[in-house]
Amino acid sequence: MHLPSLDLNSIVVLHALLEERNVTRAGERLGMSQPGTSAALGRLRRHFNDPLLEREGGQYVLTPLAQGLYDQLGRMLDDLQRLLAAQPRFDAATAERRFVVQCSDAVLTVLGPRLVAAVARAAPGVSLDFRGVNQAVVHRPAHRAGQRPARRAGRLQWPGRAVKGPGPPRRGPGS
């Protein structure tokens, strides 16, 4: 299968343009600027070798090609949205995954054994890795005056100070 050079966003822009019949309103609807929407219309016109929207009096009307496209676009975009929204269902009974749970020692002590037991019953193929929370990271603000920490190989780096990250995973009872 060979698809033309248009990307999916161009198809969404085309639908908005044909529905709104106005470049500015189509752009606003999509969160695009008027110049960006106008440029997209230009690319679409070149691709289809058709003006798509023609000015008639004070408004735009669809060309015959644009009307034919419009009649198909709504259904196609609905189908495409459903296709792209498809997600695998999580089946705990057959899952074979590892989840990392980062919590304080106090939370691990209180909830850990019950969580491990519940997961073992419902999802025997799932393992839990418990990681302690590094107090220096918890109590230090994530950013000061617009600075954000950089993450590098198990370390959290604030400008001027490195803080060692969490240690090796601790396993809960029954793992």
Protein backbone atom coordinates (compact mmCIF):
# COMPACT_ATOMS: atom_id res chain seq x y z
CA MET A 1 0.00 0.00 0.00
CA HIS A 2 1.33 3.43 -0.89
CA LEU A 3 -0.15 6.48 0.80
CA PRO A 4 0.26 9.92 -0.71
CA SER A 5 2.61 12.43 0.87
CA LEU A 6 -0.10 14.02 3.04
CA ASP A 7 0.06 13.36 6.76
CA LEU A 8 -2.97 12.63 8.93
CA ASN A 9 -2.98 16.15 10.36
CA SER A 10 -3.56 17.51 6.86
CA ILE A 11 -6.68 15.37 6.59
CA VAL A 12 -7.97 16.78 9.90
CA VAL A 13 -7.27 20.33 8.63
CA LEU A 14 -9.04 19.53 5.36
CA HIS A 15 -12.12 18.35 7.23
CA ALA A 16 -12.21 21.47 9.41
CA LEU A 17 -11.75 23.74 6.38
CA LEU A 18 -14.52 22.04 4.43
CA GLU A 19 -16.83 22.06 7.42
CA GLU A 20 -16.18 25.65 8.52
CA ARG A 21 -15.65 27.05 5.01
CA ASN A 22 -13.51 29.68 6.67
CA VAL A 23 -9.74 29.57 7.18
CA THR A 24 -9.72 31.56 10.43
CA ARG A 25 -12.52 29.56 12.09
CA ALA A 26 -11.02 26.25 10.96
CA GLY A 27 -7.69 27.29 12.47
CA GLU A 28 -9.31 28.37 15.74
CA ARG A 29 -11.16 25.07 15.95
CA LEU A 30 -7.89 23.16 15.54
CA GLY A 31 -5.76 25.44 17.69
CA MET A 32 -3.80 26.64 14.67
CA SER A 33 -2.92 30.13 13.58
CA GLN A 34 -4.61 31.62 10.54
CA PRO A 35 -1.31 31.67 8.57
CA GLY A 36 -0.67 28.03 9.50
CA THR A 37 -4.15 27.00 8.40
CA SER A 38 -3.79 29.01 5.20
CA ALA A 39 -0.47 27.28 4.45
CA ALA A 40 -2.10 23.89 5.04
CA LEU A 41 -4.88 24.85 2.62
CA GLY A 42 -2.22 25.73 0.05
CA ARG A 43 -0.60 22.30 0.44
CA LEU A 44 -4.00 20.61 0.14
CA ARG A 45 -4.81 22.61 -2.99
CA ARG A 46 -1.52 21.54 -4.56
CA HIS A 47 -2.04 17.92 -3.57
CA PHE A 48 -5.57 17.72 -5.00
CA ASN A 49 -4.85 20.13 -7.85
CA ASP A 50 -8.12 21.85 -6.96
CA PRO A 51 -8.97 25.10 -5.17
CA LEU A 52 -11.26 23.15 -2.75
CA LEU A 53 -12.77 26.41 -1.44
CA GLU A 54 -13.74 29.20 -3.81
CA ARG A 55 -14.88 32.65 -2.82
CA GLU A 56 -18.41 33.44 -3.94
CA GLY A 57 -19.56 36.82 -2.78
CA GLY A 58 -18.49 37.19 0.85
CA GLN A 59 -18.18 33.49 1.60
CA TYR A 60 -16.40 30.34 0.52
CA VAL A 61 -18.17 27.48 -1.25
CA LEU A 62 -16.91 23.95 -1.81
CA THR A 63 -15.77 22.88 -5.25
CA PRO A 64 -17.36 19.67 -6.57
CA LEU A 65 -14.22 17.74 -5.59
CA ALA A 66 -14.27 19.25 -2.09
CA GLN A 67 -17.95 18.32 -1.68
CA GLY A 68 -17.15 14.71 -2.62
CA LEU A 69 -14.25 14.66 -0.17
CA TYR A 70 -16.36 16.20 2.57
CA ASP A 71 -19.04 13.55 2.20
CA GLN A 72 -16.42 10.85 2.95
CA LEU A 73 -14.17 12.62 5.45
CA GLY A 74 -16.49 12.63 8.46
CA ARG A 75 -17.03 8.87 8.41
CA MET A 76 -13.39 8.19 7.66
CA LEU A 77 -12.14 10.38 10.54
CA ASP A 78 -14.61 8.76 12.96
CA ASP A 79 -13.34 5.32 11.92
CA LEU A 80 -9.72 6.48 12.16
CA GLN A 81 -10.27 7.95 15.62
CA ARG A 82 -11.73 4.64 16.84
CA LEU A 83 -8.84 2.75 15.27
CA LEU A 84 -6.19 4.96 16.86
CA ALA A 85 -7.92 4.91 20.26
CA ALA A 86 -7.79 1.11 20.44
CA GLN A 87 -5.91 -0.07 23.52
CA PRO A 88 -5.08 -3.57 24.65
CA ARG A 89 -7.13 -4.68 27.60
CA PHE A 90 -5.23 -5.46 30.76
CA ASP A 91 -6.05 -8.98 31.94
CA ALA A 92 -4.58 -9.38 35.42
CA ALA A 93 -4.99 -13.18 35.41
CA THR A 94 -2.71 -13.63 32.37
CA ALA A 95 -0.48 -10.55 32.65
CA GLU A 96 3.25 -11.04 32.93
CA ARG A 97 4.58 -7.63 33.87
CA ARG A 98 6.73 -5.92 36.44
CA PHE A 99 5.45 -2.82 38.20
CA VAL A 100 7.66 -0.47 40.17
CA VAL A 101 6.08 1.00 43.28
CA GLN A 102 7.95 3.92 44.78
CA CYS A 103 6.90 4.71 48.32
CA SER A 104 8.20 5.57 51.74
CA ASP A 105 9.19 2.86 54.21
CA ALA A 106 6.12 3.70 56.29
CA VAL A 107 3.76 3.18 53.35
CA LEU A 108 5.58 -0.04 52.43
CA THR A 109 5.24 -1.33 55.99
CA VAL A 110 1.52 -0.56 56.19
CA LEU A 111 0.33 -1.35 52.66
CA GLY A 112 3.08 -3.54 51.17
CA PRO A 113 2.05 -6.96 52.51
CA ARG A 114 -1.63 -6.46 51.63
CA LEU A 115 -0.76 -5.14 48.15
CA VAL A 116 1.60 -8.06 47.45
CA ALA A 117 -1.02 -10.58 48.63
CA ALA A 118 -3.79 -8.99 46.54
CA VAL A 119 -1.61 -8.86 43.42
CA ALA A 120 -0.47 -12.48 43.94
CA ARG A 121 -4.11 -13.61 44.06
CA ALA A 122 -5.38 -11.55 41.12
CA ALA A 123 -2.28 -11.48 38.93
CA PRO A 124 0.10 -14.39 39.59
CA GLY A 125 2.39 -13.41 36.69
CA VAL A 126 2.89 -9.86 37.94
CA SER A 127 5.84 -8.86 40.09
CA LEU A 128 6.17 -5.76 42.21
CA ASP A 129 9.44 -3.97 42.80
CA PHE A 130 9.33 -1.63 45.75
CA ARG A 131 11.71 1.30 45.73
CA GLY A 132 12.28 3.62 48.62
CA VAL A 133 11.83 7.34 48.28
CA ASN A 134 15.04 9.30 48.67
CA GLN A 135 14.24 11.93 51.29
CA ALA A 136 16.62 14.48 49.74
CA VAL A 137 14.59 14.30 46.55
CA VAL A 138 11.21 14.44 48.30
CA HIS A 139 11.97 17.45 50.48
CA ARG A 140 13.89 19.47 47.91
CA PRO A 141 11.68 21.49 45.55
CA ALA A 142 11.53 20.09 42.02
CA HIS A 143 12.51 23.44 40.64
CA ARG A 144 13.63 26.73 42.00
CA ALA A 145 13.41 29.91 39.98
CA GLY A 146 12.55 27.94 36.85
CA GLN A 147 15.32 25.34 37.24
CA ARG A 148 14.37 21.74 36.62
CA PRO A 149 16.40 18.70 37.64
CA ALA A 150 18.20 16.71 34.95
CA ARG A 151 17.97 12.92 35.13
CA ARG A 152 21.10 10.94 34.36
CA ALA A 153 21.75 7.23 34.92
CA GLY A 154 20.23 6.73 38.36
CA ARG A 155 21.01 10.25 39.56
CA LEU A 156 19.00 13.40 39.86
CA GLN A 157 21.07 16.48 39.09
CA TRP A 158 20.05 19.91 40.32
CA PRO A 159 22.23 22.77 39.21
CA GLY A 160 25.23 22.66 41.54
CA ARG A 161 24.23 19.51 43.48
CA ALA A 162 23.91 15.84 42.63
CA VAL A 163 21.50 13.72 44.67
CA LYS A 164 21.95 9.96 44.56
CA GLY A 165 18.81 8.24 43.26
CA PRO A 166 16.91 5.36 44.87
CA GLY A 167 18.85 2.20 45.66
CA PRO A 168 18.26 -1.27 44.24
CA PRO A 169 14.69 -2.57 44.26
CA ARG A 170 13.40 -4.22 47.41
CA ARG A 171 11.08 -7.14 47.01
CA GLY A 172 7.94 -7.45 49.09
CA PRO A 173 6.90 -10.66 50.89
CA GLY A 174 6.02 -13.54 48.61
CA SER A 175 8.11 -12.43 45.61
